[in-house]
Amino acid sequence: MKKIDDMRHGRHCVFLMHVHLWSPSYFAGSCGGTPLETIKQYIQDQETPH
């Protein structure tokens, strides 16, 4: 019961803030003949929160 009571009162918040569902990574792929400006715009759009 003590553990549940601790969680209700936020004593585990520090631990939960450091949990990640995915590890940091990157993606590499081919873009064919797509213009460089189009690719740059796509990357910028991905970095903007929606």
PDB file of N, CA and C in Angstrom:
ATOM      1  N   MET A   1       0.826  -1.199   0.000  1.00  0.00           N
ATOM      2  CA  MET A   1       0.000   0.000   0.000  1.00  0.00           C
ATOM      3  C   MET A   1       0.870   1.262   0.000  1.00  0.00           C
ATOM      4  N   LYS A   2       2.034   1.186   0.628  1.00  0.00           N
ATOM      5  CA  LYS A   2       2.921   2.345   0.704  1.00  0.00           C
ATOM      6  C   LYS A   2       3.339   2.808  -0.691  1.00  0.00           C
ATOM      7  N   LYS A   3       3.690   1.869  -1.582  1.00  0.00           N
ATOM      8  CA  LYS A   3       4.137   2.230  -2.927  1.00  0.00           C
ATOM      9  C   LYS A   3       3.031   2.951  -3.698  1.00  0.00           C
ATOM     10  N   ILE A   4       1.817   2.459  -3.624  1.00  0.00           N
ATOM     11  CA  ILE A   4       0.686   3.101  -4.300  1.00  0.00           C
ATOM     12  C   ILE A   4       0.460   4.493  -3.731  1.00  0.00           C
ATOM     13  N   ASP A   5       0.553   4.626  -2.417  1.00  0.00           N
ATOM     14  CA  ASP A   5       0.368   5.921  -1.777  1.00  0.00           C
ATOM     15  C   ASP A   5       1.453   6.903  -2.227  1.00  0.00           C
ATOM     16  N   ASP A   6       2.703   6.430  -2.351  1.00  0.00           N
ATOM     17  CA  ASP A   6       3.792   7.286  -2.831  1.00  0.00           C
ATOM     18  C   ASP A   6       3.497   7.801  -4.235  1.00  0.00           C
ATOM     19  N   MET A   7       3.009   6.933  -5.105  1.00  0.00           N
ATOM     20  CA  MET A   7       2.730   7.327  -6.485  1.00  0.00           C
ATOM     21  C   MET A   7       1.597   8.344  -6.554  1.00  0.00           C
ATOM     22  N   ARG A   8       0.616   8.195  -5.719  1.00  0.00           N
ATOM     23  CA  ARG A   8      -0.503   9.146  -5.700  1.00  0.00           C
ATOM     24  C   ARG A   8      -0.045  10.540  -5.294  1.00  0.00           C
ATOM     25  N   HIS A   9       0.985  10.600  -4.483  1.00  0.00           N
ATOM     26  CA  HIS A   9       1.459  11.893  -3.989  1.00  0.00           C
ATOM     27  C   HIS A   9       2.617  12.444  -4.815  1.00  0.00           C
ATOM     28  N   GLY A  10       2.927  11.828  -5.964  1.00  0.00           N
ATOM     29  CA  GLY A  10       3.925  12.367  -6.875  1.00  0.00           C
ATOM     30  C   GLY A  10       5.365  12.140  -6.494  1.00  0.00           C
ATOM     31  N   ARG A  11       5.632  11.181  -5.644  1.00  0.00           N
ATOM     32  CA  ARG A  11       7.018  10.965  -5.226  1.00  0.00           C
ATOM     33  C   ARG A  11       7.841  10.240  -6.280  1.00  0.00           C
ATOM     34  N   HIS A  12       7.227   9.774  -7.343  1.00  0.00           N
ATOM     35  CA  HIS A  12       7.951   9.100  -8.414  1.00  0.00           C
ATOM     36  C   HIS A  12       8.056   9.977  -9.662  1.00  0.00           C
ATOM     37  N   CYS A  13       7.692  11.228  -9.584  1.00  0.00           N
ATOM     38  CA  CYS A  13       7.704  12.109 -10.756  1.00  0.00           C
ATOM     39  C   CYS A  13       9.096  12.270 -11.352  1.00  0.00           C
ATOM     40  N   VAL A  14      10.117  12.380 -10.528  1.00  0.00           N
ATOM     41  CA  VAL A  14      11.476  12.570 -11.030  1.00  0.00           C
ATOM     42  C   VAL A  14      11.876  11.383 -11.888  1.00  0.00           C
ATOM     43  N   PHE A  15      11.561  10.175 -11.449  1.00  0.00           N
ATOM     44  CA  PHE A  15      11.881   8.976 -12.224  1.00  0.00           C
ATOM     45  C   PHE A  15      11.113   8.962 -13.536  1.00  0.00           C
ATOM     46  N   LEU A  16       9.843   9.257 -13.506  1.00  0.00           N
ATOM     47  CA  LEU A  16       9.016   9.183 -14.701  1.00  0.00           C
ATOM     48  C   LEU A  16       9.414  10.218 -15.743  1.00  0.00           C
ATOM     49  N   MET A  17       9.995  11.324 -15.328  1.00  0.00           N
ATOM     50  CA  MET A  17      10.409  12.351 -16.275  1.00  0.00           C
ATOM     51  C   MET A  17      11.589  11.888 -17.130  1.00  0.00           C
ATOM     52  N   HIS A  18      12.332  10.876 -16.666  1.00  0.00           N
ATOM     53  CA  HIS A  18      13.522  10.416 -17.376  1.00  0.00           C
ATOM     54  C   HIS A  18      13.281   9.146 -18.180  1.00  0.00           C
ATOM     55  N   VAL A  19      12.062   8.685 -18.266  1.00  0.00           N
ATOM     56  CA  VAL A  19      11.744   7.485 -19.029  1.00  0.00           C
ATOM     57  C   VAL A  19      11.507   7.876 -20.486  1.00  0.00           C
ATOM     58  N   HIS A  20      12.137   7.165 -21.403  1.00  0.00           N
ATOM     59  CA  HIS A  20      11.980   7.422 -22.832  1.00  0.00           C
ATOM     60  C   HIS A  20      11.400   6.186 -23.495  1.00  0.00           C
ATOM     61  N   LEU A  21      10.470   6.381 -24.414  1.00  0.00           N
ATOM     62  CA  LEU A  21       9.906   5.250 -25.138  1.00  0.00           C
ATOM     63  C   LEU A  21      10.803   4.835 -26.293  1.00  0.00           C
ATOM     64  N   TRP A  22      11.570   5.766 -26.845  1.00  0.00           N
ATOM     65  CA  TRP A  22      12.464   5.472 -27.964  1.00  0.00           C
ATOM     66  C   TRP A  22      13.844   6.014 -27.640  1.00  0.00           C
ATOM     67  N   SER A  23      14.856   5.333 -28.141  1.00  0.00           N
ATOM     68  CA  SER A  23      16.211   5.845 -27.981  1.00  0.00           C
ATOM     69  C   SER A  23      16.473   6.894 -29.063  1.00  0.00           C
ATOM     70  N   PRO A  24      17.396   7.821 -28.793  1.00  0.00           N
ATOM     71  CA  PRO A  24      17.727   8.804 -29.827  1.00  0.00           C
ATOM     72  C   PRO A  24      18.246   8.082 -31.079  1.00  0.00           C
ATOM     73  N   SER A  25      17.777   8.461 -32.233  1.00  0.00           N
ATOM     74  CA  SER A  25      18.197   7.803 -33.463  1.00  0.00           C
ATOM     75  C   SER A  25      18.028   8.756 -34.639  1.00  0.00           C
ATOM     76  N   TYR A  26      18.323   8.280 -35.820  1.00  0.00           N
ATOM     77  CA  TYR A  26      18.146   9.090 -37.013  1.00  0.00           C
ATOM     78  C   TYR A  26      17.681   8.199 -38.150  1.00  0.00           C
ATOM     79  N   PHE A  27      17.197   8.813 -39.211  1.00  0.00           N
ATOM     80  CA  PHE A  27      16.732   8.083 -40.391  1.00  0.00           C
ATOM     81  C   PHE A  27      17.527   8.554 -41.596  1.00  0.00           C
ATOM     82  N   ALA A  28      17.973   7.618 -42.396  1.00  0.00           N
ATOM     83  CA  ALA A  28      18.647   7.953 -43.651  1.00  0.00           C
ATOM     84  C   ALA A  28      17.880   7.285 -44.782  1.00  0.00           C
ATOM     85  N   GLY A  29      17.585   8.039 -45.818  1.00  0.00           N
ATOM     86  CA  GLY A  29      16.843   7.469 -46.937  1.00  0.00           C
ATOM     87  C   GLY A  29      17.196   8.175 -48.232  1.00  0.00           C
ATOM     88  N   SER A  30      16.719   7.638 -49.325  1.00  0.00           N
ATOM     89  CA  SER A  30      16.959   8.205 -50.645  1.00  0.00           C
ATOM     90  C   SER A  30      15.776   9.082 -51.050  1.00  0.00           C
ATOM     91  N   CYS A  31      16.064  10.192 -51.703  1.00  0.00           N
ATOM     92  CA  CYS A  31      15.015  11.122 -52.121  1.00  0.00           C
ATOM     93  C   CYS A  31      14.879  11.197 -53.635  1.00  0.00           C
ATOM     94  N   GLY A  32      15.617  10.393 -54.370  1.00  0.00           N
ATOM     95  CA  GLY A  32      15.521  10.404 -55.831  1.00  0.00           C
ATOM     96  C   GLY A  32      15.884  11.758 -56.400  1.00  0.00           C
ATOM     97  N   GLY A  33      15.048  12.290 -57.285  1.00  0.00           N
ATOM     98  CA  GLY A  33      15.328  13.567 -57.938  1.00  0.00           C
ATOM     99  C   GLY A  33      14.630  14.740 -57.289  1.00  0.00           C
ATOM    100  N   THR A  34      14.241  14.600 -56.033  1.00  0.00           N
ATOM    101  CA  THR A  34      13.538  15.686 -55.343  1.00  0.00           C
ATOM    102  C   THR A  34      14.475  16.880 -55.152  1.00  0.00           C
ATOM    103  N   PRO A  35      14.024  18.087 -55.459  1.00  0.00           N
ATOM    104  CA  PRO A  35      14.871  19.276 -55.271  1.00  0.00           C
ATOM    105  C   PRO A  35      15.287  19.442 -53.808  1.00  0.00           C
ATOM    106  N   LEU A  36      16.507  19.902 -53.595  1.00  0.00           N
ATOM    107  CA  LEU A  36      17.055  20.079 -52.257  1.00  0.00           C
ATOM    108  C   LEU A  36      16.189  21.001 -51.400  1.00  0.00           C
ATOM    109  N   GLU A  37      15.645  22.063 -51.966  1.00  0.00           N
ATOM    110  CA  GLU A  37      14.798  22.990 -51.204  1.00  0.00           C
ATOM    111  C   GLU A  37      13.545  22.289 -50.675  1.00  0.00           C
ATOM    112  N   THR A  38      12.979  21.375 -51.444  1.00  0.00           N
ATOM    113  CA  THR A  38      11.798  20.621 -51.004  1.00  0.00           C
ATOM    114  C   THR A  38      12.150  19.738 -49.815  1.00  0.00           C
ATOM    115  N   ILE A  39      13.315  19.109 -49.865  1.00  0.00           N
ATOM    116  CA  ILE A  39      13.766  18.250 -48.763  1.00  0.00           C
ATOM    117  C   ILE A  39      14.009  19.084 -47.515  1.00  0.00           C
ATOM    118  N   LYS A  40      14.665  20.248 -47.665  1.00  0.00           N
ATOM    119  CA  LYS A  40      14.913  21.131 -46.519  1.00  0.00           C
ATOM    120  C   LYS A  40      13.601  21.573 -45.876  1.00  0.00           C
ATOM    121  N   GLN A  41      12.621  21.925 -46.693  1.00  0.00           N
ATOM    122  CA  GLN A  41      11.321  22.354 -46.169  1.00  0.00           C
ATOM    123  C   GLN A  41      10.642  21.214 -45.417  1.00  0.00           C
ATOM    124  N   TYR A  42      10.734  20.003 -45.950  1.00  0.00           N
ATOM    125  CA  TYR A  42      10.145  18.832 -45.292  1.00  0.00           C
ATOM    126  C   TYR A  42      10.780  18.619 -43.918  1.00  0.00           C
ATOM    127  N   ILE A  43      12.112  18.724 -43.845  1.00  0.00           N
ATOM    128  CA  ILE A  43      12.813  18.538 -42.569  1.00  0.00           C
ATOM    129  C   ILE A  43      12.399  19.620 -41.579  1.00  0.00           C
ATOM    130  N   GLN A  44      12.325  20.862 -42.021  1.00  0.00           N
ATOM    131  CA  GLN A  44      11.909  21.955 -41.131  1.00  0.00           C
ATOM    132  C   GLN A  44      10.488  21.731 -40.623  1.00  0.00           C
ATOM    133  N   ASP A  45       9.611  21.237 -41.475  1.00  0.00           N
ATOM    134  CA  ASP A  45       8.229  20.961 -41.066  1.00  0.00           C
ATOM    135  C   ASP A  45       8.171  19.853 -40.021  1.00  0.00           C
ATOM    136  N   GLN A  46       9.081  18.891 -40.089  1.00  0.00           N
ATOM    137  CA  GLN A  46       9.106  17.789 -39.131  1.00  0.00           C
ATOM    138  C   GLN A  46       9.575  18.260 -37.763  1.00  0.00           C
ATOM    139  N   GLU A  47      10.419  19.276 -37.716  1.00  0.00           N
ATOM    140  CA  GLU A  47      10.953  19.790 -36.455  1.00  0.00           C
ATOM    141  C   GLU A  47       9.979  20.718 -35.746  1.00  0.00           C
ATOM    142  N   THR A  48       8.967  21.207 -36.439  1.00  0.00           N
ATOM    143  CA  THR A  48       7.996  22.133 -35.865  1.00  0.00           C
ATOM    144  C   THR A  48       6.888  21.358 -35.163  1.00  0.00           C
ATOM    145  N   PRO A  49       6.649  21.616 -33.861  1.00  0.00           N
ATOM    146  CA  PRO A  49       5.549  20.923 -33.176  1.00  0.00           C
ATOM    147  C   PRO A  49       4.192  21.336 -33.745  1.00  0.00           C
ATOM    148  N   HIS A  50       3.303  20.384 -33.840  1.00  0.00           N
ATOM    149  CA  HIS A  50       1.966  20.656 -34.390  1.00  0.00           C
ATOM    150  C   HIS A  50       0.947  20.697 -33.287  1.00  0.00           C
TER     151      HIS A  50
END
